[in-house]
């Protein structure tokens, strides 16, 4: 087993600050960190040539999500939009759905809102636990690059 230690720090100035005013009337300083036990790591970079190139990123059932007791399996996922110009769209779907569910409406600039979970703008990132209970799908609204790491819980 191995350990990773993610740290999240949120800071902002008070809204009255002359430089980089924050969203609150007071300055904000929050920090959370915890060691996580992991074993296997999957890492990759996906490049999208343009819009509508949706793909199944993680198949929950194939990773063990349909056969294990809740809390005994899963992973921690880090994703970052490392592209230069376009958004990356992250969605979830029930196992055995098709990846087309998340991307079909993209052509009409209505990215199937029923399955989209979040959007990563250029430079944005996400770190979250994933229990393999659903599939994770990806798409982009133009040429884009997604970097990801999946750390299996140890």
N, C-alpha and C. Protein backbone atom coordinates (compact mmCIF):
# COMPACT_ATOMS: atom_id res chain seq x y z
N UNK A 1 0.83 -1.19 0.00
CA UNK A 1 0.00 0.00 0.00
C UNK A 1 0.87 1.25 0.00
N UNK A 2 0.32 2.30 -0.56
CA UNK A 2 1.02 3.58 -0.63
C UNK A 2 0.10 4.68 -0.12
N UNK A 3 0.65 5.85 0.06
CA UNK A 3 -0.13 6.97 0.57
C UNK A 3 0.04 8.19 -0.35
N UNK A 4 -1.07 8.85 -0.62
CA UNK A 4 -1.04 10.17 -1.24
C UNK A 4 -1.65 11.14 -0.24
N UNK A 5 -1.26 12.39 -0.28
CA UNK A 5 -1.78 13.38 0.66
C UNK A 5 -2.25 14.61 -0.10
N UNK A 6 -3.53 14.63 -0.49
CA UNK A 6 -4.06 15.82 -1.15
C UNK A 6 -4.29 16.94 -0.14
N UNK A 7 -4.06 18.15 -0.58
CA UNK A 7 -4.29 19.34 0.24
C UNK A 7 -5.09 20.34 -0.57
N UNK A 8 -6.16 20.83 0.01
CA UNK A 8 -6.95 21.88 -0.62
C UNK A 8 -6.85 23.12 0.24
N UNK A 9 -6.47 24.23 -0.37
CA UNK A 9 -6.38 25.49 0.34
C UNK A 9 -7.20 26.52 -0.42
N UNK A 10 -8.13 27.17 0.28
CA UNK A 10 -8.95 28.23 -0.30
C UNK A 10 -8.64 29.52 0.45
N UNK A 11 -8.22 30.55 -0.29
CA UNK A 11 -7.95 31.85 0.32
C UNK A 11 -8.55 32.95 -0.53
N UNK A 12 -8.96 34.01 0.09
CA UNK A 12 -9.40 35.20 -0.63
C UNK A 12 -9.32 36.39 0.30
N UNK A 13 -9.18 37.55 -0.30
CA UNK A 13 -9.21 38.80 0.47
C UNK A 13 -10.66 39.13 0.82
N UNK A 14 -10.84 40.07 1.71
CA UNK A 14 -12.18 40.59 2.00
C UNK A 14 -12.69 41.34 0.77
N UNK A 15 -13.99 41.46 0.67
CA UNK A 15 -14.59 42.14 -0.49
C UNK A 15 -14.21 43.61 -0.55
N UNK A 16 -13.74 44.17 0.55
CA UNK A 16 -13.35 45.58 0.60
C UNK A 16 -11.89 45.80 0.23
N UNK A 17 -11.15 44.75 -0.06
CA UNK A 17 -9.72 44.87 -0.39
C UNK A 17 -9.55 45.65 -1.69
N UNK A 18 -8.52 46.47 -1.73
CA UNK A 18 -8.25 47.27 -2.92
C UNK A 18 -7.68 46.45 -4.07
N UNK A 19 -7.01 45.35 -3.74
CA UNK A 19 -6.42 44.47 -4.75
C UNK A 19 -7.03 43.07 -4.60
N UNK A 20 -7.48 42.52 -5.69
CA UNK A 20 -8.10 41.18 -5.71
C UNK A 20 -9.15 41.01 -4.62
N UNK A 21 -10.22 41.81 -4.64
CA UNK A 21 -11.26 41.67 -3.62
C UNK A 21 -11.92 40.29 -3.70
N UNK A 22 -12.28 39.76 -2.54
CA UNK A 22 -12.90 38.45 -2.46
C UNK A 22 -14.41 38.54 -2.44
N UNK A 23 -15.08 37.38 -2.31
CA UNK A 23 -16.54 37.35 -2.36
C UNK A 23 -17.22 37.60 -1.01
N UNK A 24 -16.45 37.65 0.07
CA UNK A 24 -17.02 37.78 1.42
C UNK A 24 -16.59 39.09 2.07
N UNK A 25 -17.30 39.49 3.11
CA UNK A 25 -16.94 40.71 3.83
C UNK A 25 -15.69 40.51 4.69
N UNK A 26 -15.27 39.29 4.87
CA UNK A 26 -14.06 38.97 5.63
C UNK A 26 -13.09 38.20 4.74
N UNK A 27 -11.81 38.20 5.11
CA UNK A 27 -10.83 37.40 4.39
C UNK A 27 -11.09 35.92 4.68
N UNK A 28 -10.83 35.08 3.70
CA UNK A 28 -11.09 33.65 3.83
C UNK A 28 -9.78 32.88 3.79
N UNK A 29 -9.63 31.92 4.70
CA UNK A 29 -8.46 31.04 4.69
C UNK A 29 -8.89 29.67 5.23
N UNK A 30 -9.12 28.73 4.30
CA UNK A 30 -9.52 27.37 4.66
C UNK A 30 -8.50 26.40 4.12
N UNK A 31 -8.24 25.35 4.87
CA UNK A 31 -7.32 24.33 4.39
C UNK A 31 -7.74 22.98 4.92
N UNK A 32 -7.66 21.97 4.06
CA UNK A 32 -7.97 20.59 4.46
C UNK A 32 -6.93 19.67 3.84
N UNK A 33 -6.45 18.73 4.61
CA UNK A 33 -5.49 17.76 4.12
C UNK A 33 -5.69 16.45 4.85
N UNK A 34 -5.50 15.36 4.15
CA UNK A 34 -5.62 14.06 4.79
C UNK A 34 -4.85 13.03 3.98
N UNK A 35 -4.12 12.13 4.64
CA UNK A 35 -3.45 11.06 3.91
C UNK A 35 -4.47 10.01 3.46
N UNK A 36 -4.31 9.52 2.24
CA UNK A 36 -5.21 8.52 1.68
C UNK A 36 -4.39 7.29 1.27
N UNK A 37 -4.87 6.11 1.64
CA UNK A 37 -4.19 4.87 1.28
C UNK A 37 -4.65 4.43 -0.10
N UNK A 38 -3.71 4.22 -0.99
CA UNK A 38 -4.00 3.83 -2.37
C UNK A 38 -3.08 2.68 -2.77
N UNK A 39 -3.43 2.01 -3.89
CA UNK A 39 -2.51 1.02 -4.43
C UNK A 39 -2.25 1.30 -5.91
N UNK A 40 -3.08 0.85 -6.80
CA UNK A 40 -2.85 1.06 -8.23
C UNK A 40 -3.14 2.50 -8.66
N UNK A 41 -2.44 2.93 -9.71
CA UNK A 41 -2.65 4.26 -10.29
C UNK A 41 -2.81 4.12 -11.80
N UNK A 42 -3.83 4.77 -12.33
CA UNK A 42 -4.00 4.87 -13.78
C UNK A 42 -3.85 6.34 -14.13
N UNK A 43 -3.01 6.64 -15.11
CA UNK A 43 -2.81 8.03 -15.52
C UNK A 43 -2.81 8.09 -17.04
N UNK A 44 -3.40 9.15 -17.57
CA UNK A 44 -3.43 9.30 -19.03
C UNK A 44 -3.76 10.75 -19.38
N UNK A 45 -3.53 11.07 -20.64
CA UNK A 45 -3.93 12.34 -21.21
C UNK A 45 -4.79 12.04 -22.42
N UNK A 46 -5.99 12.61 -22.46
CA UNK A 46 -6.90 12.43 -23.59
C UNK A 46 -6.95 13.72 -24.39
N UNK A 47 -6.81 13.61 -25.70
CA UNK A 47 -6.90 14.77 -26.57
C UNK A 47 -8.15 14.65 -27.43
N UNK A 48 -8.96 15.70 -27.42
CA UNK A 48 -10.18 15.76 -28.22
C UNK A 48 -9.90 16.61 -29.44
N UNK A 49 -10.20 16.09 -30.62
CA UNK A 49 -9.97 16.82 -31.87
C UNK A 49 -11.00 17.94 -32.05
N UNK A 50 -12.16 17.76 -31.47
CA UNK A 50 -13.22 18.76 -31.59
C UNK A 50 -14.42 18.35 -30.78
N UNK A 51 -15.52 19.04 -30.95
CA UNK A 51 -16.75 18.76 -30.21
C UNK A 51 -17.34 17.42 -30.67
N UNK A 52 -18.07 16.79 -29.77
CA UNK A 52 -18.79 15.57 -30.11
C UNK A 52 -17.96 14.30 -30.11
N UNK A 53 -16.76 14.34 -29.53
CA UNK A 53 -15.92 13.15 -29.44
C UNK A 53 -16.05 12.50 -28.07
N UNK A 54 -17.28 12.34 -27.63
CA UNK A 54 -17.57 11.81 -26.30
C UNK A 54 -16.97 10.41 -26.14
N UNK A 55 -16.65 10.08 -24.89
CA UNK A 55 -16.05 8.78 -24.63
C UNK A 55 -16.40 8.32 -23.22
N UNK A 56 -16.40 7.02 -23.05
CA UNK A 56 -16.54 6.42 -21.73
C UNK A 56 -15.16 6.43 -21.09
N UNK A 57 -14.98 7.18 -20.03
CA UNK A 57 -13.69 7.27 -19.37
C UNK A 57 -13.51 6.14 -18.37
N UNK A 58 -14.49 5.97 -17.46
CA UNK A 58 -14.42 4.90 -16.47
C UNK A 58 -15.72 4.11 -16.48
N UNK A 59 -15.64 2.82 -16.65
CA UNK A 59 -16.79 1.91 -16.60
C UNK A 59 -16.89 1.36 -15.19
N UNK A 60 -17.84 1.86 -14.42
CA UNK A 60 -17.98 1.48 -13.02
C UNK A 60 -18.10 -0.02 -12.80
N UNK A 61 -18.90 -0.69 -13.61
CA UNK A 61 -19.08 -2.13 -13.45
C UNK A 61 -17.79 -2.88 -13.72
N UNK A 62 -17.05 -2.47 -14.73
CA UNK A 62 -15.78 -3.14 -15.06
C UNK A 62 -14.74 -2.94 -13.97
N UNK A 63 -14.86 -1.84 -13.23
CA UNK A 63 -13.92 -1.56 -12.14
C UNK A 63 -14.35 -2.22 -10.83
N UNK A 64 -15.49 -2.90 -10.82
CA UNK A 64 -15.93 -3.62 -9.63
C UNK A 64 -17.09 -3.01 -8.90
N UNK A 65 -17.70 -1.97 -9.44
CA UNK A 65 -18.76 -1.25 -8.75
C UNK A 65 -20.04 -2.02 -8.53
N UNK A 66 -20.31 -3.03 -9.35
CA UNK A 66 -21.56 -3.77 -9.19
C UNK A 66 -21.43 -4.98 -8.27
N UNK A 67 -20.21 -5.29 -7.82
CA UNK A 67 -20.02 -6.54 -7.10
C UNK A 67 -19.49 -6.37 -5.69
N UNK A 68 -19.15 -5.17 -5.28
CA UNK A 68 -18.51 -4.95 -3.99
C UNK A 68 -19.44 -4.26 -3.00
N UNK A 69 -19.11 -4.39 -1.73
CA UNK A 69 -19.83 -3.71 -0.67
C UNK A 69 -19.44 -2.23 -0.66
N UNK A 70 -20.42 -1.36 -0.48
CA UNK A 70 -20.17 0.08 -0.47
C UNK A 70 -19.06 0.42 0.52
N UNK A 71 -18.14 1.25 0.09
CA UNK A 71 -17.05 1.69 0.96
C UNK A 71 -15.82 0.80 0.95
N UNK A 72 -15.89 -0.34 0.27
CA UNK A 72 -14.74 -1.24 0.25
C UNK A 72 -13.91 -1.11 -1.02
N UNK A 73 -14.44 -0.46 -2.04
CA UNK A 73 -13.71 -0.26 -3.28
C UNK A 73 -13.86 1.19 -3.71
N UNK A 74 -13.24 1.54 -4.78
CA UNK A 74 -13.36 2.88 -5.29
C UNK A 74 -12.00 3.49 -5.54
N UNK A 75 -12.01 4.79 -5.79
CA UNK A 75 -10.77 5.47 -6.09
C UNK A 75 -10.91 6.96 -5.79
N UNK A 76 -9.81 7.66 -6.01
CA UNK A 76 -9.78 9.11 -5.96
C UNK A 76 -9.34 9.55 -7.35
N UNK A 77 -10.06 10.51 -7.92
CA UNK A 77 -9.80 10.93 -9.29
C UNK A 77 -9.37 12.39 -9.31
N UNK A 78 -8.30 12.64 -10.06
CA UNK A 78 -7.83 13.99 -10.32
C UNK A 78 -7.97 14.22 -11.82
N UNK A 79 -8.60 15.31 -12.21
CA UNK A 79 -8.76 15.69 -13.62
C UNK A 79 -8.38 17.15 -13.78
N UNK A 80 -7.72 17.46 -14.91
CA UNK A 80 -7.39 18.86 -15.19
C UNK A 80 -7.50 19.11 -16.68
N UNK A 81 -8.10 20.24 -17.04
CA UNK A 81 -8.17 20.67 -18.42
C UNK A 81 -6.84 21.38 -18.72
N UNK A 82 -5.95 20.68 -19.43
CA UNK A 82 -4.64 21.24 -19.74
C UNK A 82 -4.59 21.80 -21.17
N UNK A 83 -5.74 21.87 -21.80
CA UNK A 83 -5.82 22.42 -23.16
C UNK A 83 -5.67 23.94 -23.15
N UNK A 84 -5.71 24.52 -24.34
CA UNK A 84 -5.48 25.95 -24.49
C UNK A 84 -6.74 26.77 -24.73
N UNK A 85 -7.86 26.13 -25.11
CA UNK A 85 -8.97 26.99 -25.55
C UNK A 85 -10.37 26.53 -25.19
N UNK A 86 -10.66 25.27 -24.99
CA UNK A 86 -12.05 24.83 -24.90
C UNK A 86 -12.37 24.11 -23.59
N UNK A 87 -13.67 23.96 -23.33
CA UNK A 87 -14.16 23.30 -22.12
C UNK A 87 -14.16 21.79 -22.28
N UNK A 88 -13.98 21.11 -21.14
CA UNK A 88 -14.13 19.66 -21.10
C UNK A 88 -15.34 19.37 -20.23
N UNK A 89 -16.21 18.51 -20.71
CA UNK A 89 -17.49 18.23 -20.07
C UNK A 89 -17.44 16.84 -19.46
N UNK A 90 -17.71 16.76 -18.16
CA UNK A 90 -17.65 15.51 -17.42
C UNK A 90 -19.07 15.11 -17.05
N UNK A 91 -19.45 13.87 -17.34
CA UNK A 91 -20.79 13.41 -17.04
C UNK A 91 -20.78 12.07 -16.34
N UNK A 92 -21.93 11.70 -15.81
CA UNK A 92 -22.12 10.38 -15.22
C UNK A 92 -23.33 9.74 -15.87
N UNK A 93 -23.32 8.44 -15.91
CA UNK A 93 -24.46 7.70 -16.46
C UNK A 93 -24.52 6.37 -15.74
N UNK A 94 -25.71 5.78 -15.73
CA UNK A 94 -25.87 4.46 -15.14
C UNK A 94 -25.08 3.46 -15.95
N UNK A 95 -24.57 2.43 -15.29
CA UNK A 95 -23.88 1.36 -16.01
C UNK A 95 -24.79 0.81 -17.09
N UNK A 96 -24.19 0.43 -18.21
CA UNK A 96 -24.86 -0.15 -19.37
C UNK A 96 -25.56 0.86 -20.25
N UNK A 97 -25.46 2.18 -19.94
CA UNK A 97 -25.93 3.20 -20.87
C UNK A 97 -24.85 3.35 -21.95
N UNK A 98 -25.10 4.15 -22.94
CA UNK A 98 -24.09 4.37 -23.97
C UNK A 98 -23.44 5.72 -23.77
N UNK A 99 -22.19 5.83 -24.18
CA UNK A 99 -21.47 7.10 -24.05
C UNK A 99 -22.15 8.19 -24.86
N UNK A 100 -22.91 7.82 -25.88
CA UNK A 100 -23.59 8.82 -26.71
C UNK A 100 -24.60 9.64 -25.91
N UNK A 101 -25.07 9.10 -24.79
CA UNK A 101 -26.04 9.84 -23.98
C UNK A 101 -25.49 11.20 -23.54
N UNK A 102 -24.19 11.27 -23.29
CA UNK A 102 -23.64 12.52 -22.77
C UNK A 102 -23.30 13.50 -23.87
N UNK A 103 -23.00 13.04 -25.07
CA UNK A 103 -22.51 13.95 -26.08
C UNK A 103 -23.47 14.29 -27.20
N UNK A 104 -24.55 13.56 -27.35
CA UNK A 104 -25.42 13.72 -28.52
C UNK A 104 -25.95 15.14 -28.66
N UNK A 105 -26.30 15.77 -27.57
CA UNK A 105 -26.90 17.10 -27.65
C UNK A 105 -25.87 18.22 -27.76
N UNK A 106 -24.60 17.86 -27.71
CA UNK A 106 -23.54 18.88 -27.76
C UNK A 106 -23.61 19.73 -29.02
N UNK A 107 -24.02 19.15 -30.13
CA UNK A 107 -24.07 19.90 -31.39
C UNK A 107 -25.03 21.08 -31.28
N UNK A 108 -26.05 20.97 -30.46
CA UNK A 108 -27.03 22.05 -30.30
C UNK A 108 -26.67 22.96 -29.12
N UNK A 109 -25.43 22.85 -28.62
CA UNK A 109 -24.96 23.66 -27.49
C UNK A 109 -25.82 23.42 -26.24
N UNK A 110 -26.34 22.22 -26.10
CA UNK A 110 -27.14 21.82 -24.94
C UNK A 110 -26.62 20.47 -24.49
N UNK A 111 -25.51 20.45 -23.82
CA UNK A 111 -24.75 19.24 -23.53
C UNK A 111 -25.50 18.27 -22.62
N UNK A 112 -26.63 17.77 -23.07
CA UNK A 112 -27.37 16.74 -22.36
C UNK A 112 -27.35 16.97 -20.85
N UNK A 113 -27.99 18.03 -20.41
CA UNK A 113 -27.92 18.47 -19.02
C UNK A 113 -28.34 17.40 -18.02
N UNK A 114 -29.05 16.38 -18.45
CA UNK A 114 -29.48 15.36 -17.51
C UNK A 114 -28.34 14.47 -17.04
N UNK A 115 -27.22 14.42 -17.79
CA UNK A 115 -26.11 13.56 -17.39
C UNK A 115 -24.82 14.32 -17.10
N UNK A 116 -24.74 15.58 -17.47
CA UNK A 116 -23.49 16.32 -17.20
C UNK A 116 -23.35 16.59 -15.72
N UNK A 117 -22.17 16.31 -15.18
CA UNK A 117 -21.89 16.53 -13.77
C UNK A 117 -21.19 17.88 -13.56
N UNK A 118 -20.17 18.17 -14.40
CA UNK A 118 -19.50 19.46 -14.30
C UNK A 118 -18.70 19.75 -15.57
N UNK A 119 -18.25 20.99 -15.66
CA UNK A 119 -17.43 21.45 -16.78
C UNK A 119 -16.10 21.93 -16.24
N UNK A 120 -15.02 21.54 -16.92
CA UNK A 120 -13.69 22.05 -16.59
C UNK A 120 -13.28 23.05 -17.66
N UNK A 121 -13.18 24.32 -17.27
CA UNK A 121 -12.67 25.34 -18.18
C UNK A 121 -11.15 25.19 -18.24
N UNK A 122 -10.53 25.85 -19.19
CA UNK A 122 -9.07 25.76 -19.35
C UNK A 122 -8.38 26.09 -18.02
N UNK A 123 -7.51 25.21 -17.58
CA UNK A 123 -6.76 25.39 -16.34
C UNK A 123 -7.47 24.91 -15.09
N UNK A 124 -8.78 24.63 -15.16
CA UNK A 124 -9.50 24.16 -13.98
C UNK A 124 -9.24 22.68 -13.74
N UNK A 125 -9.42 22.28 -12.48
CA UNK A 125 -9.19 20.89 -12.09
C UNK A 125 -10.25 20.43 -11.10
N UNK A 126 -10.31 19.13 -10.89
CA UNK A 126 -11.21 18.54 -9.89
C UNK A 126 -10.50 17.36 -9.24
N UNK A 127 -10.76 17.16 -7.97
CA UNK A 127 -10.27 15.98 -7.24
C UNK A 127 -11.45 15.48 -6.43
N UNK A 128 -11.83 14.20 -6.60
CA UNK A 128 -13.03 13.70 -5.95
C UNK A 128 -12.95 12.18 -5.75
N UNK A 129 -13.68 11.66 -4.76
CA UNK A 129 -13.78 10.21 -4.60
C UNK A 129 -14.77 9.65 -5.61
N UNK A 130 -14.52 8.43 -6.04
CA UNK A 130 -15.37 7.77 -7.04
C UNK A 130 -15.58 6.33 -6.59
N UNK A 131 -16.84 5.95 -6.35
CA UNK A 131 -17.17 4.63 -5.81
C UNK A 131 -17.47 3.58 -6.87
N UNK A 132 -17.29 3.86 -8.13
CA UNK A 132 -17.56 2.93 -9.23
C UNK A 132 -19.04 2.58 -9.34
N UNK A 133 -19.92 3.37 -8.76
CA UNK A 133 -21.36 3.08 -8.80
C UNK A 133 -21.99 3.52 -10.13
N UNK A 134 -21.30 4.37 -10.87
CA UNK A 134 -21.78 4.88 -12.16
C UNK A 134 -20.60 4.88 -13.12
N UNK A 135 -20.89 5.13 -14.38
CA UNK A 135 -19.84 5.35 -15.37
C UNK A 135 -19.53 6.83 -15.43
N UNK A 136 -18.28 7.17 -15.75
CA UNK A 136 -17.90 8.56 -15.97
C UNK A 136 -17.57 8.72 -17.45
N UNK A 137 -18.18 9.72 -18.08
CA UNK A 137 -17.98 9.98 -19.49
C UNK A 137 -17.41 11.38 -19.68
N UNK A 138 -16.76 11.60 -20.82
CA UNK A 138 -16.15 12.90 -21.10
C UNK A 138 -16.45 13.33 -22.53
N UNK A 139 -16.42 14.62 -22.74
CA UNK A 139 -16.59 15.22 -24.05
C UNK A 139 -15.94 16.60 -23.97
N UNK A 140 -15.89 17.30 -25.07
CA UNK A 140 -15.35 18.66 -25.11
C UNK A 140 -16.17 19.48 -26.08
N UNK A 141 -16.14 20.79 -25.92
CA UNK A 141 -16.89 21.63 -26.85
C UNK A 141 -16.00 22.17 -27.97
N UNK A 142 -14.84 21.56 -28.13
CA UNK A 142 -13.89 21.88 -29.18
C UNK A 142 -12.60 21.14 -28.89
N UNK A 143 -11.54 21.44 -29.61
CA UNK A 143 -10.26 20.78 -29.37
C UNK A 143 -9.82 21.05 -27.93
N UNK A 144 -9.48 19.98 -27.19
CA UNK A 144 -9.14 20.13 -25.78
C UNK A 144 -8.30 18.93 -25.33
N UNK A 145 -7.66 19.09 -24.17
CA UNK A 145 -6.84 18.01 -23.61
C UNK A 145 -7.16 17.84 -22.13
N UNK A 146 -7.47 16.61 -21.75
CA UNK A 146 -7.76 16.26 -20.35
C UNK A 146 -6.63 15.39 -19.81
N UNK A 147 -6.10 15.79 -18.67
CA UNK A 147 -5.14 14.97 -17.95
C UNK A 147 -5.86 14.36 -16.76
N UNK A 148 -5.67 13.07 -16.51
CA UNK A 148 -6.32 12.48 -15.33
C UNK A 148 -5.44 11.44 -14.66
N UNK A 149 -5.70 11.26 -13.36
CA UNK A 149 -5.10 10.21 -12.55
C UNK A 149 -6.23 9.55 -11.78
N UNK A 150 -6.24 8.23 -11.73
CA UNK A 150 -7.19 7.48 -10.90
C UNK A 150 -6.39 6.65 -9.93
N UNK A 151 -6.51 6.97 -8.64
CA UNK A 151 -5.79 6.27 -7.57
C UNK A 151 -6.75 5.31 -6.89
N UNK A 152 -6.57 4.01 -7.05
CA UNK A 152 -7.45 3.03 -6.40
C UNK A 152 -7.26 3.06 -4.89
N UNK A 153 -8.37 3.01 -4.17
CA UNK A 153 -8.30 2.92 -2.71
C UNK A 153 -7.56 1.65 -2.32
N UNK A 154 -6.68 1.76 -1.36
CA UNK A 154 -5.89 0.61 -0.93
C UNK A 154 -6.53 -0.17 0.16
